[in-house]
Amino acid sequence: MKDDPCKVLREAYDGCFQIWLDAEYFAGKIKGPMVPCEAELKTYHECLKTDPHRAPYLENLEKYKKDFPR
């Protein structure tokens, strides 16, 4: 199995998201739609776009966002 060049970025996003989940979501501090850890998520997605096996999933996500705006 090859090394995952995006692994460190995924771990950074996962860590940030877990902190947000514990501190904000489970604490009931959420007041509407939001994207937690947006900078980490964007950096991770940019890395995924460089992988030909993963990039189509991100294209589908972008299409979904356009079809179902918040």
N, C-alpha and C. Protein backbone atom coordinates (compact mmCIF):
# COMPACT_ATOMS: atom_id res chain seq x y z
N MET A 1 0.84 -1.19 0.00
CA MET A 1 0.00 0.00 0.00
C MET A 1 0.89 1.25 0.00
N LYS A 2 0.55 2.20 -0.83
CA LYS A 2 1.37 3.40 -0.93
C LYS A 2 1.05 4.37 0.22
N ASP A 3 2.00 5.25 0.48
CA ASP A 3 1.79 6.26 1.50
C ASP A 3 0.74 7.25 1.04
N ASP A 4 -0.05 7.72 1.95
CA ASP A 4 -1.09 8.69 1.64
C ASP A 4 -0.53 10.09 1.86
N PRO A 5 -0.32 10.86 0.79
CA PRO A 5 0.26 12.20 0.95
C PRO A 5 -0.68 13.16 1.68
N CYS A 6 -1.95 12.82 1.76
CA CYS A 6 -2.94 13.70 2.42
C CYS A 6 -3.21 13.31 3.86
N LYS A 7 -2.55 12.27 4.34
CA LYS A 7 -2.85 11.73 5.68
C LYS A 7 -2.67 12.78 6.78
N VAL A 8 -1.58 13.50 6.75
CA VAL A 8 -1.31 14.50 7.79
C VAL A 8 -2.39 15.59 7.77
N LEU A 9 -2.81 15.98 6.57
CA LEU A 9 -3.84 17.01 6.44
C LEU A 9 -5.19 16.49 6.95
N ARG A 10 -5.49 15.22 6.65
CA ARG A 10 -6.73 14.62 7.15
C ARG A 10 -6.71 14.56 8.67
N GLU A 11 -5.59 14.19 9.24
CA GLU A 11 -5.47 14.11 10.69
C GLU A 11 -5.61 15.49 11.33
N ALA A 12 -5.08 16.52 10.69
CA ALA A 12 -5.23 17.89 11.20
C ALA A 12 -6.69 18.30 11.19
N TYR A 13 -7.39 17.99 10.09
CA TYR A 13 -8.82 18.31 10.02
C TYR A 13 -9.60 17.51 11.05
N ASP A 14 -9.34 16.22 11.15
CA ASP A 14 -10.05 15.38 12.12
C ASP A 14 -9.86 15.89 13.54
N GLY A 15 -8.63 16.28 13.87
CA GLY A 15 -8.36 16.80 15.21
C GLY A 15 -9.11 18.09 15.48
N CYS A 16 -9.08 18.99 14.51
CA CYS A 16 -9.80 20.26 14.64
C CYS A 16 -11.30 20.02 14.78
N PHE A 17 -11.82 19.13 13.94
CA PHE A 17 -13.26 18.83 13.97
C PHE A 17 -13.67 18.23 15.31
N GLN A 18 -12.85 17.36 15.88
CA GLN A 18 -13.18 16.75 17.16
C GLN A 18 -13.22 17.80 18.27
N ILE A 19 -12.29 18.72 18.24
CA ILE A 19 -12.29 19.80 19.24
C ILE A 19 -13.56 20.63 19.09
N TRP A 20 -13.91 20.99 17.85
CA TRP A 20 -15.14 21.76 17.60
C TRP A 20 -16.37 20.99 18.06
N LEU A 21 -16.41 19.70 17.75
CA LEU A 21 -17.55 18.87 18.12
C LEU A 21 -17.76 18.89 19.63
N ASP A 22 -16.68 18.70 20.37
CA ASP A 22 -16.78 18.67 21.83
C ASP A 22 -17.09 20.04 22.42
N ALA A 23 -16.41 21.08 21.94
CA ALA A 23 -16.52 22.41 22.54
C ALA A 23 -17.75 23.18 22.08
N GLU A 24 -18.20 22.97 20.86
CA GLU A 24 -19.30 23.76 20.31
C GLU A 24 -20.59 22.95 20.13
N TYR A 25 -20.51 21.88 19.37
CA TYR A 25 -21.72 21.13 19.01
C TYR A 25 -22.35 20.46 20.22
N PHE A 26 -21.57 19.65 20.92
CA PHE A 26 -22.12 18.94 22.07
C PHE A 26 -22.45 19.88 23.23
N ALA A 27 -21.85 21.06 23.23
CA ALA A 27 -22.16 22.05 24.25
C ALA A 27 -23.40 22.87 23.91
N GLY A 28 -23.99 22.63 22.74
CA GLY A 28 -25.20 23.33 22.34
C GLY A 28 -24.99 24.77 21.92
N LYS A 29 -23.81 25.11 21.46
CA LYS A 29 -23.50 26.49 21.08
C LYS A 29 -23.75 26.80 19.61
N ILE A 30 -24.25 25.85 18.84
CA ILE A 30 -24.45 26.03 17.40
C ILE A 30 -25.76 26.76 17.15
N LYS A 31 -25.70 27.82 16.34
CA LYS A 31 -26.88 28.65 16.06
C LYS A 31 -27.26 28.65 14.59
N GLY A 32 -26.91 27.66 13.84
CA GLY A 32 -27.26 27.61 12.43
C GLY A 32 -26.21 26.87 11.63
N PRO A 33 -26.40 26.82 10.32
CA PRO A 33 -25.44 26.08 9.49
C PRO A 33 -24.06 26.73 9.51
N MET A 34 -23.06 25.89 9.50
CA MET A 34 -21.69 26.38 9.51
C MET A 34 -20.76 25.28 9.02
N VAL A 35 -19.55 25.66 8.69
CA VAL A 35 -18.52 24.70 8.29
C VAL A 35 -17.38 24.83 9.29
N PRO A 36 -17.30 23.92 10.26
CA PRO A 36 -16.21 24.00 11.23
C PRO A 36 -14.88 23.65 10.58
N CYS A 37 -13.83 24.26 11.08
CA CYS A 37 -12.46 23.96 10.60
C CYS A 37 -12.35 24.14 9.09
N GLU A 38 -12.90 25.20 8.59
CA GLU A 38 -12.98 25.42 7.15
C GLU A 38 -11.59 25.48 6.49
N ALA A 39 -10.63 26.12 7.12
CA ALA A 39 -9.29 26.22 6.53
C ALA A 39 -8.64 24.84 6.41
N GLU A 40 -8.76 24.03 7.46
CA GLU A 40 -8.19 22.68 7.43
C GLU A 40 -8.89 21.81 6.38
N LEU A 41 -10.20 21.95 6.29
CA LEU A 41 -10.96 21.17 5.31
C LEU A 41 -10.56 21.57 3.89
N LYS A 42 -10.41 22.86 3.65
CA LYS A 42 -10.03 23.33 2.32
C LYS A 42 -8.64 22.81 1.92
N THR A 43 -7.71 22.86 2.84
CA THR A 43 -6.35 22.37 2.57
C THR A 43 -6.37 20.88 2.28
N TYR A 44 -7.14 20.13 3.04
CA TYR A 44 -7.26 18.69 2.83
C TYR A 44 -7.89 18.40 1.46
N HIS A 45 -8.94 19.12 1.11
CA HIS A 45 -9.59 18.93 -0.19
C HIS A 45 -8.65 19.27 -1.34
N GLU A 46 -7.84 20.30 -1.18
CA GLU A 46 -6.88 20.65 -2.23
C GLU A 46 -5.90 19.50 -2.46
N CYS A 47 -5.49 18.86 -1.40
CA CYS A 47 -4.61 17.70 -1.54
C CYS A 47 -5.33 16.56 -2.24
N LEU A 48 -6.58 16.31 -1.87
CA LEU A 48 -7.34 15.22 -2.48
C LEU A 48 -7.54 15.44 -3.98
N LYS A 49 -7.63 16.69 -4.40
CA LYS A 49 -7.81 16.99 -5.82
C LYS A 49 -6.63 16.54 -6.67
N THR A 50 -5.47 16.34 -6.04
CA THR A 50 -4.29 15.91 -6.78
C THR A 50 -4.27 14.40 -6.99
N ASP A 51 -5.19 13.68 -6.37
CA ASP A 51 -5.25 12.23 -6.48
C ASP A 51 -6.35 11.85 -7.48
N PRO A 52 -5.99 11.25 -8.61
CA PRO A 52 -7.00 10.95 -9.64
C PRO A 52 -8.09 9.99 -9.17
N HIS A 53 -7.82 9.22 -8.14
CA HIS A 53 -8.84 8.29 -7.62
C HIS A 53 -9.82 8.97 -6.68
N ARG A 54 -9.41 10.05 -6.06
CA ARG A 54 -10.27 10.75 -5.10
C ARG A 54 -10.95 11.98 -5.69
N ALA A 55 -10.35 12.59 -6.67
CA ALA A 55 -10.86 13.84 -7.22
C ALA A 55 -12.32 13.76 -7.66
N PRO A 56 -12.78 12.67 -8.29
CA PRO A 56 -14.20 12.63 -8.69
C PRO A 56 -15.18 12.78 -7.53
N TYR A 57 -14.81 12.30 -6.35
CA TYR A 57 -15.69 12.45 -5.20
C TYR A 57 -15.87 13.91 -4.82
N LEU A 58 -14.79 14.69 -4.94
CA LEU A 58 -14.88 16.11 -4.63
C LEU A 58 -15.70 16.84 -5.67
N GLU A 59 -15.59 16.42 -6.93
CA GLU A 59 -16.41 17.03 -7.98
C GLU A 59 -17.89 16.79 -7.70
N ASN A 60 -18.23 15.59 -7.24
CA ASN A 60 -19.62 15.30 -6.89
C ASN A 60 -20.07 16.13 -5.70
N LEU A 61 -19.18 16.36 -4.75
CA LEU A 61 -19.51 17.18 -3.59
C LEU A 61 -19.80 18.62 -4.02
N GLU A 62 -19.00 19.16 -4.92
CA GLU A 62 -19.22 20.52 -5.40
C GLU A 62 -20.55 20.62 -6.15
N LYS A 63 -20.88 19.62 -6.94
CA LYS A 63 -22.16 19.60 -7.64
C LYS A 63 -23.32 19.56 -6.64
N TYR A 64 -23.19 18.76 -5.61
CA TYR A 64 -24.22 18.67 -4.57
C TYR A 64 -24.42 20.03 -3.90
N LYS A 65 -23.32 20.71 -3.59
CA LYS A 65 -23.42 22.02 -2.94
C LYS A 65 -24.18 23.02 -3.82
N LYS A 66 -23.97 22.95 -5.14
CA LYS A 66 -24.66 23.86 -6.06
C LYS A 66 -26.14 23.50 -6.17
N ASP A 67 -26.43 22.20 -6.18
CA ASP A 67 -27.82 21.75 -6.32
C ASP A 67 -28.64 21.98 -5.06
N PHE A 68 -27.99 21.97 -3.91
CA PHE A 68 -28.69 22.11 -2.64
C PHE A 68 -28.03 23.17 -1.76
N PRO A 69 -28.14 24.44 -2.16
CA PRO A 69 -27.51 25.50 -1.36
C PRO A 69 -28.18 25.64 0.00
N ARG A 70 -27.45 26.18 0.93
CA ARG A 70 -27.99 26.38 2.29
C ARG A 70 -28.84 27.60 2.34
